[in-house]
Structures are given as C-alpha cells and as structure tokens.
mmCIF file of all heavy atoms, coordinates in Angstrom:
data_MODEL
# 
_entry.id   MODEL 
# 
loop_
_atom_site.group_PDB 
_atom_site.id 
_atom_site.type_symbol 
_atom_site.label_atom_id 
_atom_site.label_alt_id 
_atom_site.label_comp_id 
_atom_site.label_asym_id 
_atom_site.label_entity_id 
_atom_site.label_seq_id 
_atom_site.pdbx_PDB_ins_code 
_atom_site.Cartn_x 
_atom_site.Cartn_y 
_atom_site.Cartn_z 
_atom_site.occupancy 
_atom_site.B_iso_or_equiv 
_atom_site.pdbx_formal_charge 
_atom_site.auth_seq_id 
_atom_site.auth_comp_id 
_atom_site.auth_asym_id 
_atom_site.auth_atom_id 
_atom_site.pdbx_PDB_model_num 
ATOM 1   N N   . SER A 1 1  ? 2.827   3.757   0.014   1.00 0.00 ? 1  SER A N   1 
ATOM 2   C CA  . SER A 1 1  ? 2.190   4.862   0.705   1.00 0.00 ? 1  SER A CA  1 
ATOM 3   C C   . SER A 1 1  ? 1.000   4.332   1.490   1.00 0.00 ? 1  SER A C   1 
ATOM 4   O O   . SER A 1 1  ? 0.580   3.197   1.297   1.00 0.00 ? 1  SER A O   1 
ATOM 5   C CB  . SER A 1 1  ? 1.737   5.951   -0.280  1.00 0.00 ? 1  SER A CB  1 
ATOM 6   O OG  . SER A 1 1  ? 0.773   5.456   -1.187  1.00 0.00 ? 1  SER A OG  1 
ATOM 7   N N   . GLY A 1 2  ? 0.478   5.152   2.363   1.00 0.00 ? 2  GLY A N   1 
ATOM 8   C CA  . GLY A 1 2  ? -0.718  4.798   3.104   1.00 0.00 ? 2  GLY A CA  1 
ATOM 9   C C   . GLY A 1 2  ? -0.488  4.401   4.543   1.00 0.00 ? 2  GLY A C   1 
ATOM 10  O O   . GLY A 1 2  ? -1.453  4.177   5.281   1.00 0.00 ? 2  GLY A O   1 
ATOM 11  N N   . GLY A 1 3  ? 0.762   4.306   4.956   1.00 0.00 ? 3  GLY A N   1 
ATOM 12  C CA  . GLY A 1 3  ? 1.044   3.962   6.330   1.00 0.00 ? 3  GLY A CA  1 
ATOM 13  C C   . GLY A 1 3  ? 0.705   5.103   7.271   1.00 0.00 ? 3  GLY A C   1 
ATOM 14  O O   . GLY A 1 3  ? 0.389   6.214   6.845   1.00 0.00 ? 3  GLY A O   1 
ATOM 15  N N   . GLY A 1 4  ? 0.769   4.815   8.549   1.00 0.00 ? 4  GLY A N   1 
ATOM 16  C CA  . GLY A 1 4  ? 0.471   5.816   9.546   1.00 0.00 ? 4  GLY A CA  1 
ATOM 17  C C   . GLY A 1 4  ? 0.284   5.182   10.896  1.00 0.00 ? 4  GLY A C   1 
ATOM 18  O O   . GLY A 1 4  ? 0.600   4.007   11.099  1.00 0.00 ? 4  GLY A O   1 
ATOM 19  N N   . SER A 1 5  ? -0.220  5.958   11.825  1.00 0.00 ? 5  SER A N   1 
ATOM 20  C CA  . SER A 1 5  ? -0.481  5.493   13.181  1.00 0.00 ? 5  SER A CA  1 
ATOM 21  C C   . SER A 1 5  ? -1.972  5.374   13.412  1.00 0.00 ? 5  SER A C   1 
ATOM 22  O O   . SER A 1 5  ? -2.726  6.314   13.132  1.00 0.00 ? 5  SER A O   1 
ATOM 23  C CB  . SER A 1 5  ? 0.115   6.462   14.202  1.00 0.00 ? 5  SER A CB  1 
ATOM 24  O OG  . SER A 1 5  ? 1.523   6.538   14.068  1.00 0.00 ? 5  SER A OG  1 
ATOM 25  N N   . VAL A 1 6  ? -2.385  4.222   13.899  1.00 0.00 ? 6  VAL A N   1 
ATOM 26  C CA  . VAL A 1 6  ? -3.799  3.980   14.160  1.00 0.00 ? 6  VAL A CA  1 
ATOM 27  C C   . VAL A 1 6  ? -3.957  3.258   15.483  1.00 0.00 ? 6  VAL A C   1 
ATOM 28  O O   . VAL A 1 6  ? -3.025  2.625   15.993  1.00 0.00 ? 6  VAL A O   1 
ATOM 29  C CB  . VAL A 1 6  ? -4.466  3.151   13.042  1.00 0.00 ? 6  VAL A CB  1 
ATOM 30  C CG1 . VAL A 1 6  ? -4.406  3.892   11.713  1.00 0.00 ? 6  VAL A CG1 1 
ATOM 31  C CG2 . VAL A 1 6  ? -3.804  1.782   12.925  1.00 0.00 ? 6  VAL A CG2 1 
ATOM 32  N N   . GLN A 1 7  ? -5.151  3.339   16.021  1.00 0.00 ? 7  GLN A N   1 
ATOM 33  C CA  . GLN A 1 7  ? -5.484  2.581   17.215  1.00 0.00 ? 7  GLN A CA  1 
ATOM 34  C C   . GLN A 1 7  ? -5.789  1.142   16.854  1.00 0.00 ? 7  GLN A C   1 
ATOM 35  O O   . GLN A 1 7  ? -6.215  0.847   15.737  1.00 0.00 ? 7  GLN A O   1 
ATOM 36  C CB  . GLN A 1 7  ? -6.687  3.203   17.917  1.00 0.00 ? 7  GLN A CB  1 
ATOM 37  C CG  . GLN A 1 7  ? -6.437  4.580   18.495  1.00 0.00 ? 7  GLN A CG  1 
ATOM 38  C CD  . GLN A 1 7  ? -5.481  4.526   19.666  1.00 0.00 ? 7  GLN A CD  1 
ATOM 39  O OE1 . GLN A 1 7  ? -5.653  3.733   20.586  1.00 0.00 ? 7  GLN A OE1 1 
ATOM 40  N NE2 . GLN A 1 7  ? -4.466  5.389   19.644  1.00 0.00 ? 7  GLN A NE2 1 
ATOM 41  N N   . ALA A 1 8  ? -5.557  0.250   17.788  1.00 0.00 ? 8  ALA A N   1 
ATOM 42  C CA  . ALA A 1 8  ? -5.912  -1.149  17.580  1.00 0.00 ? 8  ALA A CA  1 
ATOM 43  C C   . ALA A 1 8  ? -7.374  -1.243  17.176  1.00 0.00 ? 8  ALA A C   1 
ATOM 44  O O   . ALA A 1 8  ? -8.231  -0.556  17.732  1.00 0.00 ? 8  ALA A O   1 
ATOM 45  C CB  . ALA A 1 8  ? -5.645  -1.950  18.837  1.00 0.00 ? 8  ALA A CB  1 
ATOM 46  N N   . GLY A 1 9  ? -7.630  -2.102  16.205  1.00 0.00 ? 9  GLY A N   1 
ATOM 47  C CA  . GLY A 1 9  ? -8.975  -2.245  15.677  1.00 0.00 ? 9  GLY A CA  1 
ATOM 48  C C   . GLY A 1 9  ? -9.245  -1.383  14.467  1.00 0.00 ? 9  GLY A C   1 
ATOM 49  O O   . GLY A 1 9  ? -10.260 -1.583  13.778  1.00 0.00 ? 9  GLY A O   1 
ATOM 50  N N   . GLY A 1 10 ? -8.353  -0.466  14.178  1.00 0.00 ? 10 GLY A N   1 
ATOM 51  C CA  . GLY A 1 10 ? -8.517  0.415   13.048  1.00 0.00 ? 10 GLY A CA  1 
ATOM 52  C C   . GLY A 1 10 ? -8.090  -0.219  11.745  1.00 0.00 ? 10 GLY A C   1 
ATOM 53  O O   . GLY A 1 10 ? -7.684  -1.377  11.692  1.00 0.00 ? 10 GLY A O   1 
ATOM 54  N N   . SER A 1 11 ? -8.155  0.584   10.688  1.00 0.00 ? 11 SER A N   1 
ATOM 55  C CA  . SER A 1 11 ? -7.844  0.096   9.352   1.00 0.00 ? 11 SER A CA  1 
ATOM 56  C C   . SER A 1 11 ? -6.914  1.045   8.622   1.00 0.00 ? 11 SER A C   1 
ATOM 57  O O   . SER A 1 11 ? -6.903  2.252   8.879   1.00 0.00 ? 11 SER A O   1 
ATOM 58  C CB  . SER A 1 11 ? -9.127  -0.060  8.521   1.00 0.00 ? 11 SER A CB  1 
ATOM 59  O OG  . SER A 1 11 ? -10.000 -1.009  9.083   1.00 0.00 ? 11 SER A OG  1 
ATOM 60  N N   . LEU A 1 12 ? -6.154  0.487   7.715   1.00 0.00 ? 12 LEU A N   1 
ATOM 61  C CA  . LEU A 1 12 ? -5.316  1.251   6.806   1.00 0.00 ? 12 LEU A CA  1 
ATOM 62  C C   . LEU A 1 12 ? -5.310  0.553   5.462   1.00 0.00 ? 12 LEU A C   1 
ATOM 63  O O   . LEU A 1 12 ? -5.463  -0.665  5.391   1.00 0.00 ? 12 LEU A O   1 
ATOM 64  C CB  . LEU A 1 12 ? -3.871  1.354   7.306   1.00 0.00 ? 12 LEU A CB  1 
ATOM 65  C CG  . LEU A 1 12 ? -3.571  2.279   8.475   1.00 0.00 ? 12 LEU A CG  1 
ATOM 66  C CD1 . LEU A 1 12 ? -2.120  2.075   8.912   1.00 0.00 ? 12 LEU A CD1 1 
ATOM 67  C CD2 . LEU A 1 12 ? -3.801  3.731   8.086   1.00 0.00 ? 12 LEU A CD2 1 
ATOM 68  N N   . ARG A 1 13 ? -5.113  1.333   4.426   1.00 0.00 ? 13 ARG A N   1 
ATOM 69  C CA  . ARG A 1 13 ? -4.953  0.770   3.099   1.00 0.00 ? 13 ARG A CA  1 
ATOM 70  C C   . ARG A 1 13 ? -3.618  1.227   2.529   1.00 0.00 ? 13 ARG A C   1 
ATOM 71  O O   . ARG A 1 13 ? -3.403  2.421   2.317   1.00 0.00 ? 13 ARG A O   1 
ATOM 72  C CB  . ARG A 1 13 ? -6.081  1.199   2.163   1.00 0.00 ? 13 ARG A CB  1 
ATOM 73  C CG  . ARG A 1 13 ? -6.090  0.422   0.842   1.00 0.00 ? 13 ARG A CG  1 
ATOM 74  C CD  . ARG A 1 13 ? -7.063  1.023   -0.149  1.00 0.00 ? 13 ARG A CD  1 
ATOM 75  N NE  . ARG A 1 13 ? -7.300  0.124   -1.276  1.00 0.00 ? 13 ARG A NE  1 
ATOM 76  C CZ  . ARG A 1 13 ? -7.814  0.509   -2.443  1.00 0.00 ? 13 ARG A CZ  1 
ATOM 77  N NH1 . ARG A 1 13 ? -8.156  1.771   -2.635  1.00 0.00 ? 13 ARG A NH1 1 
ATOM 78  N NH2 . ARG A 1 13 ? -8.000  -0.381  -3.412  1.00 0.00 ? 13 ARG A NH2 1 
ATOM 79  N N   . LEU A 1 14 ? -2.750  0.275   2.296   1.00 0.00 ? 14 LEU A N   1 
ATOM 80  C CA  . LEU A 1 14 ? -1.447  0.571   1.730   1.00 0.00 ? 14 LEU A CA  1 
ATOM 81  C C   . LEU A 1 14 ? -1.498  0.449   0.215   1.00 0.00 ? 14 LEU A C   1 
ATOM 82  O O   . LEU A 1 14 ? -2.205  -0.392  -0.328  1.00 0.00 ? 14 LEU A O   1 
ATOM 83  C CB  . LEU A 1 14 ? -0.391  -0.385  2.272   1.00 0.00 ? 14 LEU A CB  1 
ATOM 84  C CG  . LEU A 1 14 ? -0.259  -0.491  3.791   1.00 0.00 ? 14 LEU A CG  1 
ATOM 85  C CD1 . LEU A 1 14 ? 0.906   -1.412  4.148   1.00 0.00 ? 14 LEU A CD1 1 
ATOM 86  C CD2 . LEU A 1 14 ? -0.078  0.878   4.424   1.00 0.00 ? 14 LEU A CD2 1 
ATOM 87  N N   . SER A 1 15 ? -0.723  1.284   -0.439  1.00 0.00 ? 15 SER A N   1 
ATOM 88  C CA  . SER A 1 15 ? -0.613  1.243   -1.886  1.00 0.00 ? 15 SER A CA  1 
ATOM 89  C C   . SER A 1 15 ? 0.845   1.122   -2.281  1.00 0.00 ? 15 SER A C   1 
ATOM 90  O O   . SER A 1 15 ? 1.729   1.652   -1.607  1.00 0.00 ? 15 SER A O   1 
ATOM 91  C CB  . SER A 1 15 ? -1.199  2.514   -2.517  1.00 0.00 ? 15 SER A CB  1 
ATOM 92  O OG  . SER A 1 15 ? -2.571  2.654   -2.233  1.00 0.00 ? 15 SER A OG  1 
ATOM 93  N N   . CYS A 1 16 ? 1.080   0.440   -3.360  1.00 0.00 ? 16 CYS A N   1 
ATOM 94  C CA  . CYS A 1 16 ? 2.413   0.320   -3.924  1.00 0.00 ? 16 CYS A CA  1 
ATOM 95  C C   . CYS A 1 16 ? 2.315   0.668   -5.397  1.00 0.00 ? 16 CYS A C   1 
ATOM 96  O O   . CYS A 1 16 ? 1.816   -0.135  -6.198  1.00 0.00 ? 16 CYS A O   1 
ATOM 97  C CB  . CYS A 1 16 ? 2.957   -1.093  -3.734  1.00 0.00 ? 16 CYS A CB  1 
ATOM 98  S SG  . CYS A 1 16 ? 4.516   -1.411  -4.596  1.00 0.00 ? 16 CYS A SG  1 
ATOM 99  N N   . ALA A 1 17 ? 2.768   1.847   -5.731  1.00 0.00 ? 17 ALA A N   1 
ATOM 100 C CA  . ALA A 1 17 ? 2.749   2.296   -7.116  1.00 0.00 ? 17 ALA A CA  1 
ATOM 101 C C   . ALA A 1 17 ? 4.029   1.859   -7.802  1.00 0.00 ? 17 ALA A C   1 
ATOM 102 O O   . ALA A 1 17 ? 5.127   2.071   -7.274  1.00 0.00 ? 17 ALA A O   1 
ATOM 103 C CB  . ALA A 1 17 ? 2.601   3.812   -7.179  1.00 0.00 ? 17 ALA A CB  1 
ATOM 104 N N   . SER A 1 18 ? 3.896   1.264   -8.958  1.00 0.00 ? 18 SER A N   1 
ATOM 105 C CA  . SER A 1 18 ? 5.057   0.765   -9.673  1.00 0.00 ? 18 SER A CA  1 
ATOM 106 C C   . SER A 1 18 ? 5.246   1.492   -10.995 1.00 0.00 ? 18 SER A C   1 
ATOM 107 O O   . SER A 1 18 ? 4.297   1.970   -11.615 1.00 0.00 ? 18 SER A O   1 
ATOM 108 C CB  . SER A 1 18 ? 4.934   -0.739  -9.919  1.00 0.00 ? 18 SER A CB  1 
ATOM 109 O OG  . SER A 1 18 ? 3.832   -1.020  -10.764 1.00 0.00 ? 18 SER A OG  1 
ATOM 110 N N   . SER A 1 19 ? 6.492   1.557   -11.410 1.00 0.00 ? 19 SER A N   1 
ATOM 111 C CA  . SER A 1 19 ? 6.823   2.184   -12.681 1.00 0.00 ? 19 SER A CA  1 
ATOM 112 C C   . SER A 1 19 ? 8.156   1.635   -13.174 1.00 0.00 ? 19 SER A C   1 
ATOM 113 O O   . SER A 1 19 ? 8.889   0.988   -12.428 1.00 0.00 ? 19 SER A O   1 
ATOM 114 C CB  . SER A 1 19 ? 6.896   3.704   -12.548 1.00 0.00 ? 19 SER A CB  1 
ATOM 115 O OG  . SER A 1 19 ? 7.918   4.090   -11.643 1.00 0.00 ? 19 SER A OG  1 
ATOM 116 N N   . GLY A 1 20 ? 8.459   1.891   -14.422 1.00 0.00 ? 20 GLY A N   1 
ATOM 117 C CA  . GLY A 1 20 ? 9.741   1.498   -14.974 1.00 0.00 ? 20 GLY A CA  1 
ATOM 118 C C   . GLY A 1 20 ? 9.830   0.052   -15.436 1.00 0.00 ? 20 GLY A C   1 
ATOM 119 O O   . GLY A 1 20 ? 10.915  -0.427  -15.756 1.00 0.00 ? 20 GLY A O   1 
ATOM 120 N N   . TRP A 1 21 ? 8.710   -0.603  -15.468 1.00 0.00 ? 21 TRP A N   1 
ATOM 121 C CA  . TRP A 1 21 ? 8.678   -1.989  -15.913 1.00 0.00 ? 21 TRP A CA  1 
ATOM 122 C C   . TRP A 1 21 ? 7.278   -2.361  -16.347 1.00 0.00 ? 21 TRP A C   1 
ATOM 123 O O   . TRP A 1 21 ? 6.320   -1.607  -16.118 1.00 0.00 ? 21 TRP A O   1 
ATOM 124 C CB  . TRP A 1 21 ? 9.175   -2.940  -14.821 1.00 0.00 ? 21 TRP A CB  1 
ATOM 125 C CG  . TRP A 1 21 ? 8.270   -3.031  -13.622 1.00 0.00 ? 21 TRP A CG  1 
ATOM 126 C CD1 . TRP A 1 21 ? 7.791   -2.005  -12.855 1.00 0.00 ? 21 TRP A CD1 1 
ATOM 127 C CD2 . TRP A 1 21 ? 7.741   -4.238  -13.045 1.00 0.00 ? 21 TRP A CD2 1 
ATOM 128 N NE1 . TRP A 1 21 ? 7.009   -2.485  -11.841 1.00 0.00 ? 21 TRP A NE1 1 
ATOM 129 C CE2 . TRP A 1 21 ? 6.959   -3.848  -11.930 1.00 0.00 ? 21 TRP A CE2 1 
ATOM 130 C CE3 . TRP A 1 21 ? 7.846   -5.590  -13.361 1.00 0.00 ? 21 TRP A CE3 1 
ATOM 131 C CZ2 . TRP A 1 21 ? 6.290   -4.767  -11.123 1.00 0.00 ? 21 TRP A CZ2 1 
ATOM 132 C CZ3 . TRP A 1 21 ? 7.183   -6.513  -12.559 1.00 0.00 ? 21 TRP A CZ3 1 
ATOM 133 C CH2 . TRP A 1 21 ? 6.419   -6.101  -11.453 1.00 0.00 ? 21 TRP A CH2 1 
ATOM 134 N N   . ARG A 1 22 ? 7.173   -3.486  -16.956 1.00 0.00 ? 22 ARG A N   1 
ATOM 135 C CA  . ARG A 1 22 ? 5.866   -3.982  -17.350 1.00 0.00 ? 22 ARG A CA  1 
ATOM 136 C C   . ARG A 1 22 ? 5.266   -4.721  -16.166 1.00 0.00 ? 22 ARG A C   1 
ATOM 137 O O   . ARG A 1 22 ? 5.594   -5.867  -15.871 1.00 0.00 ? 22 ARG A O   1 
ATOM 138 C CB  . ARG A 1 22 ? 5.983   -4.903  -18.566 1.00 0.00 ? 22 ARG A CB  1 
ATOM 139 C CG  . ARG A 1 22 ? 4.652   -5.370  -19.122 1.00 0.00 ? 22 ARG A CG  1 
ATOM 140 C CD  . ARG A 1 22 ? 4.829   -6.090  -20.449 1.00 0.00 ? 22 ARG A CD  1 
ATOM 141 N NE  . ARG A 1 22 ? 5.315   -5.189  -21.474 1.00 0.00 ? 22 ARG A NE  1 
ATOM 142 C CZ  . ARG A 1 22 ? 5.638   -5.559  -22.699 1.00 0.00 ? 22 ARG A CZ  1 
ATOM 143 N NH1 . ARG A 1 22 ? 5.538   -6.839  -23.046 1.00 0.00 ? 22 ARG A NH1 1 
ATOM 144 N NH2 . ARG A 1 22 ? 6.072   -4.670  -23.577 1.00 0.00 ? 22 ARG A NH2 1 
ATOM 145 N N   . TYR A 1 23 ? 4.391   -4.042  -15.484 1.00 0.00 ? 23 TYR A N   1 
ATOM 146 C CA  . TYR A 1 23 ? 3.814   -4.547  -14.254 1.00 0.00 ? 23 TYR A CA  1 
ATOM 147 C C   . TYR A 1 23 ? 3.074   -5.854  -14.464 1.00 0.00 ? 23 TYR A C   1 
ATOM 148 O O   . TYR A 1 23 ? 2.287   -6.000  -15.397 1.00 0.00 ? 23 TYR A O   1 
ATOM 149 C CB  . TYR A 1 23 ? 2.861   -3.508  -13.664 1.00 0.00 ? 23 TYR A CB  1 
ATOM 150 C CG  . TYR A 1 23 ? 2.156   -3.933  -12.407 1.00 0.00 ? 23 TYR A CG  1 
ATOM 151 C CD1 . TYR A 1 23 ? 2.743   -3.732  -11.164 1.00 0.00 ? 23 TYR A CD1 1 
ATOM 152 C CD2 . TYR A 1 23 ? 0.904   -4.516  -12.467 1.00 0.00 ? 23 TYR A CD2 1 
ATOM 153 C CE1 . TYR A 1 23 ? 2.097   -4.113  -10.000 1.00 0.00 ? 23 TYR A CE1 1 
ATOM 154 C CE2 . TYR A 1 23 ? 0.250   -4.898  -11.305 1.00 0.00 ? 23 TYR A CE2 1 
ATOM 155 C CZ  . TYR A 1 23 ? 0.849   -4.696  -10.078 1.00 0.00 ? 23 TYR A CZ  1 
ATOM 156 O OH  . TYR A 1 23 ? 0.203   -5.064  -8.931  1.00 0.00 ? 23 TYR A OH  1 
ATOM 157 N N   . ILE A 1 24 ? 3.332   -6.793  -13.571 1.00 0.00 ? 24 ILE A N   1 
ATOM 158 C CA  . ILE A 1 24 ? 2.577   -8.036  -13.558 1.00 0.00 ? 24 ILE A CA  1 
ATOM 159 C C   . ILE A 1 24 ? 2.334   -8.406  -12.110 1.00 0.00 ? 24 ILE A C   1 
ATOM 160 O O   . ILE A 1 24 ? 3.267   -8.535  -11.311 1.00 0.00 ? 24 ILE A O   1 
ATOM 161 C CB  . ILE A 1 24 ? 3.311   -9.158  -14.317 1.00 0.00 ? 24 ILE A CB  1 
ATOM 162 C CG1 . ILE A 1 24 ? 2.489   -10.446 -14.294 1.00 0.00 ? 24 ILE A CG1 1 
ATOM 163 C CG2 . ILE A 1 24 ? 4.715   -9.388  -13.777 1.00 0.00 ? 24 ILE A CG2 1 
ATOM 164 C CD1 . ILE A 1 24 ? 1.198   -10.356 -15.072 1.00 0.00 ? 24 ILE A CD1 1 
ATOM 165 N N   . SER A 1 25 ? 1.085   -8.566  -11.760 1.00 0.00 ? 25 SER A N   1 
ATOM 166 C CA  . SER A 1 25 ? 0.715   -8.705  -10.363 1.00 0.00 ? 25 SER A CA  1 
ATOM 167 C C   . SER A 1 25 ? 1.273   -9.961  -9.707  1.00 0.00 ? 25 SER A C   1 
ATOM 168 O O   . SER A 1 25 ? 1.527   -9.961  -8.500  1.00 0.00 ? 25 SER A O   1 
ATOM 169 C CB  . SER A 1 25 ? -0.810  -8.662  -10.203 1.00 0.00 ? 25 SER A CB  1 
ATOM 170 O OG  . SER A 1 25 ? -1.429  -9.751  -10.860 1.00 0.00 ? 25 SER A OG  1 
ATOM 171 N N   . ASN A 1 26 ? 1.455   -11.017 -10.462 1.00 0.00 ? 26 ASN A N   1 
ATOM 172 C CA  . ASN A 1 26 ? 1.922   -12.250 -9.840  1.00 0.00 ? 26 ASN A CA  1 
ATOM 173 C C   . ASN A 1 26 ? 3.415   -12.268 -9.549  1.00 0.00 ? 26 ASN A C   1 
ATOM 174 O O   . ASN A 1 26 ? 3.954   -13.287 -9.115  1.00 0.00 ? 26 ASN A O   1 
ATOM 175 C CB  . ASN A 1 26 ? 1.494   -13.486 -10.637 1.00 0.00 ? 26 ASN A CB  1 
ATOM 176 C CG  . ASN A 1 26 ? 2.064   -13.541 -12.034 1.00 0.00 ? 26 ASN A CG  1 
ATOM 177 O OD1 . ASN A 1 26 ? 2.798   -12.655 -12.456 1.00 0.00 ? 26 ASN A OD1 1 
ATOM 178 N ND2 . ASN A 1 26 ? 1.722   -14.596 -12.764 1.00 0.00 ? 26 ASN A ND2 1 
# 
C-alpha cells in the first residue's frame, strides 16, 4: 500500500504488510 501519483521531487512511503508466516525481515 502507499502508492499513488506524485510530482517529481515528491515523496511516498510504501508499506508491505505480511501475514500467514513467521515474518523475518532478511
């Protein structure tokens, strides 16, 4: 989530929510 349309030079923060497993960042 977190996508969208922005002007050049702008910022966005994307998120990836996980479930159904034992999350491990690496």
